[in-house]
Amino acid sequence: MKWSAFFTSSIGKKLVMSLTGLFLVLFLIVHVGLNACMFADFFDPTDDGEMFNRAAHFMGSNWVPRALEIGLFAFIILHIVQGYMVEVQNRARRGVGYAKQMGNKGSKWYSRSMALLGTLLLLFLIMHISHFWVPSRITGLPEAHYNPEHHDLFAKMLEVFQGNPIIVILYLIGCISLAYHLAHGFQSAFRTLGVYNKRYLILINSIGLGFSIIVPLIFALMPIAIYFGWIGWEN
C-alpha cells in the first residue's frame, strides 16, 4: 500500500489523529504551565503580572517556541480535518442507526460526541486566538511597565475577563469541552498506537483521567480568578 493511500485510509486517519492529539497534549502542558504564572499575582500582588509577562515574552521572542508554534497550527488544522473525516466515515459505515440505543453500556456519551466537543473547542480556539494571540503577535499590546520590550499580556487578560461574565462563561464551556474531549482522546490515542496491555492501559487511563481534570481546571480558574478579583485587584 502506498503511503498516500495509507494516510487516507481509516487506520491512517486515526493514526494521524492520535499523533497530532499527543502533540497537542504536550502543547497543553506547556501552555497551562505558562498561564499558571499569572497566579504569582495572587500570592504577591506587587508582582502585577510580571512573571506571566516574562514567560509570555520568552515564548513569543525565542525562535524555538515560534517555530513550534507554526507546527502547532498545522497540527491543529490536521487534527480537526482528520477528526471530521473520521466522523463522516463512521457515520457512513453505521448507515441506519441501531434499533435500540445502548447508551453508556456501549460507550460513554463523550466518546460518542467527539465531533460535537471538537466543534465547541474549535469555536473556543477561534475566540481565544482573537482575544490574545492576534493582539500579542499582530496588532500589538501596550508595553509592560517594568520592561518596554515586553507586552503587557497580563493587562489584556484583565481587560477580557474583568466585568464580562458572558466571556467567562464561554471560556468555562470551552474548558468543560476540553475536559471531556481529553477524557476520551488521551487513552484512545494510545489504543490506536497499539497499546493494549491491561496493566499499561490502567496506568494510561488513570493518567488521562487526571490530566483531563487538572489541566482544564487550571485553565478555568484563570478567568474565574480574574472575574472575582482574586488576581489583579491592584490594577
Protein backbone atom coordinates (compact mmCIF):
# COMPACT_ATOMS: atom_id res chain seq x y z
CA MET A 1 0.00 0.00 0.00
CA LYS A 2 1.26 3.47 -0.90
CA TRP A 3 1.86 5.93 1.93
CA SER A 4 -0.69 8.32 0.41
CA ALA A 5 -3.30 5.55 0.39
CA PHE A 6 -2.44 4.57 3.96
CA PHE A 7 -2.95 8.07 5.36
CA THR A 8 -6.29 8.42 3.58
CA SER A 9 -7.49 5.07 4.94
CA SER A 10 -9.49 4.71 8.14
CA ILE A 11 -6.47 3.40 10.06
CA GLY A 12 -4.24 6.13 8.65
CA LYS A 13 -6.66 8.88 9.64
CA LYS A 14 -6.90 7.52 13.18
CA LEU A 15 -3.11 7.27 13.39
CA VAL A 16 -2.75 10.90 12.34
CA MET A 17 -5.42 11.86 14.87
CA SER A 18 -3.51 10.04 17.61
CA LEU A 19 -0.10 11.52 16.81
CA THR A 20 -1.38 15.07 16.41
CA GLY A 21 -3.51 14.65 19.52
CA LEU A 22 -0.50 13.62 21.62
CA PHE A 23 1.45 16.60 20.27
CA LEU A 24 -1.42 18.87 21.34
CA VAL A 25 -1.35 17.26 24.79
CA LEU A 26 2.32 18.28 25.08
CA PHE A 27 1.35 21.79 23.99
CA LEU A 28 -1.33 21.93 26.69
CA ILE A 29 1.27 21.05 29.33
CA VAL A 30 3.49 23.95 28.22
CA HIS A 31 0.53 26.32 27.81
CA VAL A 32 -1.03 25.61 31.19
CA GLY A 33 2.39 25.96 32.86
CA LEU A 34 2.91 29.36 31.24
CA ASN A 35 -0.59 30.59 32.07
CA ALA A 36 -0.30 29.39 35.67
CA CYS A 37 2.45 32.01 36.11
CA MET A 38 -0.30 34.59 36.45
CA PHE A 39 -1.19 33.11 39.86
CA ALA A 40 2.03 34.70 41.15
CA ASP A 41 -0.10 37.83 41.40
CA PHE A 42 -2.41 36.01 43.83
CA PHE A 43 0.43 35.25 46.25
CA ASP A 44 2.26 38.55 45.65
CA PRO A 45 0.05 41.42 44.41
CA THR A 46 3.16 43.53 43.77
CA ASP A 47 4.10 41.07 41.02
CA ASP A 48 1.44 42.78 38.87
CA GLY A 49 1.68 40.11 36.17
CA GLU A 50 5.45 40.39 35.74
CA MET A 51 6.15 36.64 35.95
CA PHE A 52 3.37 35.89 33.47
CA ASN A 53 4.52 38.61 31.05
CA ARG A 54 8.13 37.42 31.22
CA ALA A 55 7.07 33.86 30.42
CA ALA A 56 4.86 35.08 27.56
CA HIS A 57 7.72 37.21 26.22
CA PHE A 58 10.06 34.21 26.20
CA MET A 59 7.52 32.14 24.26
CA GLY A 60 6.96 34.96 21.78
CA SER A 61 10.55 36.04 21.22
CA ASN A 62 12.51 32.77 21.29
CA TRP A 63 12.85 31.17 17.85
CA VAL A 64 12.27 27.62 19.14
CA PRO A 65 8.76 28.25 20.51
CA ARG A 66 7.94 30.36 17.45
CA ALA A 67 8.97 27.52 15.12
CA LEU A 68 6.96 25.05 17.18
CA GLU A 69 4.04 27.47 17.00
CA ILE A 70 3.91 27.03 13.21
CA GLY A 71 3.86 23.26 13.65
CA LEU A 72 1.20 23.65 16.31
CA PHE A 73 -1.21 25.46 13.98
CA ALA A 74 -0.54 22.90 11.26
CA PHE A 75 -1.24 20.01 13.66
CA ILE A 76 -4.39 21.67 14.97
CA ILE A 77 -5.76 22.05 11.45
CA LEU A 78 -4.74 18.49 10.55
CA HIS A 79 -6.29 17.14 13.77
CA ILE A 80 -9.57 18.95 13.07
CA VAL A 81 -9.75 17.90 9.41
CA GLN A 82 -8.94 14.27 10.15
CA GLY A 83 -11.38 14.26 13.06
CA TYR A 84 -14.26 15.36 10.88
CA MET A 85 -13.25 12.91 8.15
CA VAL A 86 -13.24 10.04 10.66
CA GLU A 87 -16.64 11.13 11.98
CA VAL A 88 -18.15 11.30 8.47
CA GLN A 89 -16.65 7.92 7.63
CA ASN A 90 -18.02 6.36 10.83
CA ARG A 91 -21.50 7.76 10.20
CA ALA A 92 -21.46 6.44 6.63
CA ARG A 93 -20.46 2.98 7.85
CA ARG A 94 -23.15 2.89 10.52
CA GLY A 95 -25.81 3.77 7.98
CA VAL A 96 -29.11 3.04 9.67
CA GLY A 97 -28.97 3.58 13.42
CA TYR A 98 -29.30 0.84 15.97
CA ALA A 99 -32.83 -0.36 16.71
CA LYS A 100 -32.09 0.01 20.40
CA GLN A 101 -29.69 2.60 21.71
CA MET A 102 -27.18 1.11 24.13
CA GLY A 103 -26.34 4.42 25.78
CA ASN A 104 -23.43 4.30 28.22
CA LYS A 105 -23.49 0.48 28.23
CA GLY A 106 -21.67 0.51 24.89
CA SER A 107 -19.54 3.64 25.38
CA LYS A 108 -19.52 6.88 27.32
CA TRP A 109 -21.57 9.72 25.87
CA TYR A 110 -18.49 11.89 25.40
CA SER A 111 -16.73 9.19 23.38
CA ARG A 112 -19.72 9.25 21.03
CA SER A 113 -19.73 13.06 20.95
CA MET A 114 -16.14 13.82 19.99
CA ALA A 115 -17.23 15.71 16.86
CA LEU A 116 -19.53 17.97 18.91
CA LEU A 117 -16.87 18.52 21.59
CA GLY A 118 -14.29 19.18 18.88
CA THR A 119 -16.57 21.76 17.27
CA LEU A 120 -17.04 23.55 20.59
CA LEU A 121 -13.27 23.52 21.08
CA LEU A 122 -12.75 24.93 17.58
CA LEU A 123 -15.11 27.83 18.34
CA PHE A 124 -13.36 28.33 21.69
CA LEU A 125 -9.96 28.32 19.97
CA ILE A 126 -11.07 30.97 17.46
CA MET A 127 -12.27 33.18 20.32
CA HIS A 128 -9.09 32.60 22.31
CA ILE A 129 -6.84 33.42 19.34
CA SER A 130 -8.77 36.62 18.60
CA HIS A 131 -8.55 37.71 22.24
CA PHE A 132 -4.88 37.04 22.90
CA TRP A 133 -2.76 35.64 20.05
CA VAL A 134 -3.76 38.23 17.44
CA PRO A 135 -3.11 41.26 19.72
CA SER A 136 0.12 39.72 21.00
CA ARG A 137 1.54 38.74 17.61
CA ILE A 138 -0.12 41.06 15.07
CA THR A 139 -1.98 44.15 16.27
CA GLY A 140 0.25 44.85 19.27
CA LEU A 141 -0.21 45.31 23.01
CA PRO A 142 0.83 48.05 25.47
CA GLU A 143 4.33 47.83 26.93
CA ALA A 144 4.85 46.32 30.37
CA HIS A 145 5.72 48.98 32.94
CA TYR A 146 8.82 47.11 34.17
CA ASN A 147 10.29 46.47 30.69
CA PRO A 148 9.31 48.27 27.45
CA GLU A 149 10.38 45.23 25.41
CA HIS A 150 7.67 43.08 26.98
CA HIS A 151 3.98 43.14 26.03
CA ASP A 152 1.57 43.57 28.92
CA LEU A 153 -0.43 40.44 28.14
CA PHE A 154 -1.45 40.27 31.79
CA ALA A 155 -3.32 43.58 31.44
CA LYS A 156 -5.03 42.17 28.33
CA MET A 157 -6.21 39.15 30.36
CA LEU A 158 -7.69 41.50 32.94
CA GLU A 159 -9.39 43.54 30.23
CA VAL A 160 -11.03 40.48 28.65
CA PHE A 161 -12.29 38.80 31.83
CA GLN A 162 -12.95 41.58 34.35
CA GLY A 163 -16.61 42.52 34.44
CA ASN A 164 -17.56 40.35 31.46
CA PRO A 165 -19.46 37.29 32.73
CA ILE A 166 -20.52 36.15 29.23
CA ILE A 167 -16.90 35.77 28.10
CA VAL A 168 -16.07 33.97 31.35
CA ILE A 169 -18.97 31.55 30.84
CA LEU A 170 -17.93 30.88 27.23
CA TYR A 171 -14.38 30.12 28.38
CA LEU A 172 -15.73 27.77 31.05
CA ILE A 173 -17.78 25.94 28.40
CA GLY A 174 -14.58 25.61 26.36
CA CYS A 175 -12.72 24.19 29.37
CA ILE A 176 -15.51 21.69 30.08
CA SER A 177 -15.47 20.61 26.42
CA LEU A 178 -11.69 20.21 26.64
CA ALA A 179 -12.03 18.04 29.75
CA TYR A 180 -14.45 15.59 28.12
CA HIS A 181 -12.50 15.62 24.84
CA LEU A 182 -9.32 14.68 26.72
CA ALA A 183 -11.11 12.09 28.84
CA HIS A 184 -11.69 10.00 25.72
CA GLY A 185 -8.96 11.22 23.39
CA PHE A 186 -5.99 10.64 25.73
CA GLN A 187 -6.48 6.90 26.19
CA SER A 188 -7.88 6.45 22.67
CA ALA A 189 -4.64 7.81 21.15
CA PHE A 190 -2.57 5.13 22.89
CA ARG A 191 -5.00 2.39 21.88
CA THR A 192 -4.70 3.47 18.26
CA LEU A 193 -0.92 3.30 18.57
CA GLY A 194 -1.22 -0.33 19.66
CA VAL A 195 -1.15 -0.19 23.46
CA TYR A 196 -3.45 -3.00 24.63
CA ASN A 197 -1.57 -4.37 27.63
CA LYS A 198 -4.06 -4.29 30.52
CA ARG A 199 -1.51 -3.02 33.04
CA TYR A 200 -0.40 -0.19 30.78
CA LEU A 201 -3.97 0.70 29.87
CA ILE A 202 -4.92 1.05 33.53
CA LEU A 203 -1.97 3.40 34.02
CA ILE A 204 -2.75 5.38 30.84
CA ASN A 205 -6.44 5.66 31.74
CA SER A 206 -5.53 6.92 35.22
CA ILE A 207 -3.06 9.48 33.87
CA GLY A 208 -5.54 10.52 31.18
CA LEU A 209 -8.34 10.99 33.70
CA GLY A 210 -6.13 13.08 35.97
CA PHE A 211 -4.86 15.13 33.03
CA SER A 212 -8.39 15.72 31.69
CA ILE A 213 -9.41 17.10 35.10
CA ILE A 214 -6.36 19.04 36.27
CA VAL A 215 -5.41 20.88 33.07
CA PRO A 216 -8.91 22.17 32.15
CA LEU A 217 -9.46 23.07 35.83
CA ILE A 218 -6.34 25.25 35.88
CA PHE A 219 -7.41 26.90 32.64
CA ALA A 220 -10.90 27.51 34.06
CA LEU A 221 -9.56 29.01 37.29
CA MET A 222 -7.84 31.81 35.37
CA PRO A 223 -10.94 33.66 34.07
CA ILE A 224 -12.74 32.86 37.33
CA ALA A 225 -9.92 34.30 39.44
CA ILE A 226 -9.76 37.45 37.33
CA TYR A 227 -13.52 37.96 37.23
CA PHE A 228 -13.90 37.66 41.01
CA GLY A 229 -10.87 39.85 41.66
CA TRP A 230 -8.63 37.18 43.16
CA ILE A 231 -6.00 38.23 40.61
CA GLY A 232 -5.20 41.75 39.50
CA TRP A 233 -7.03 43.57 42.29
CA GLU A 234 -4.45 46.36 42.33
CA ASN A 235 -4.96 47.19 38.63
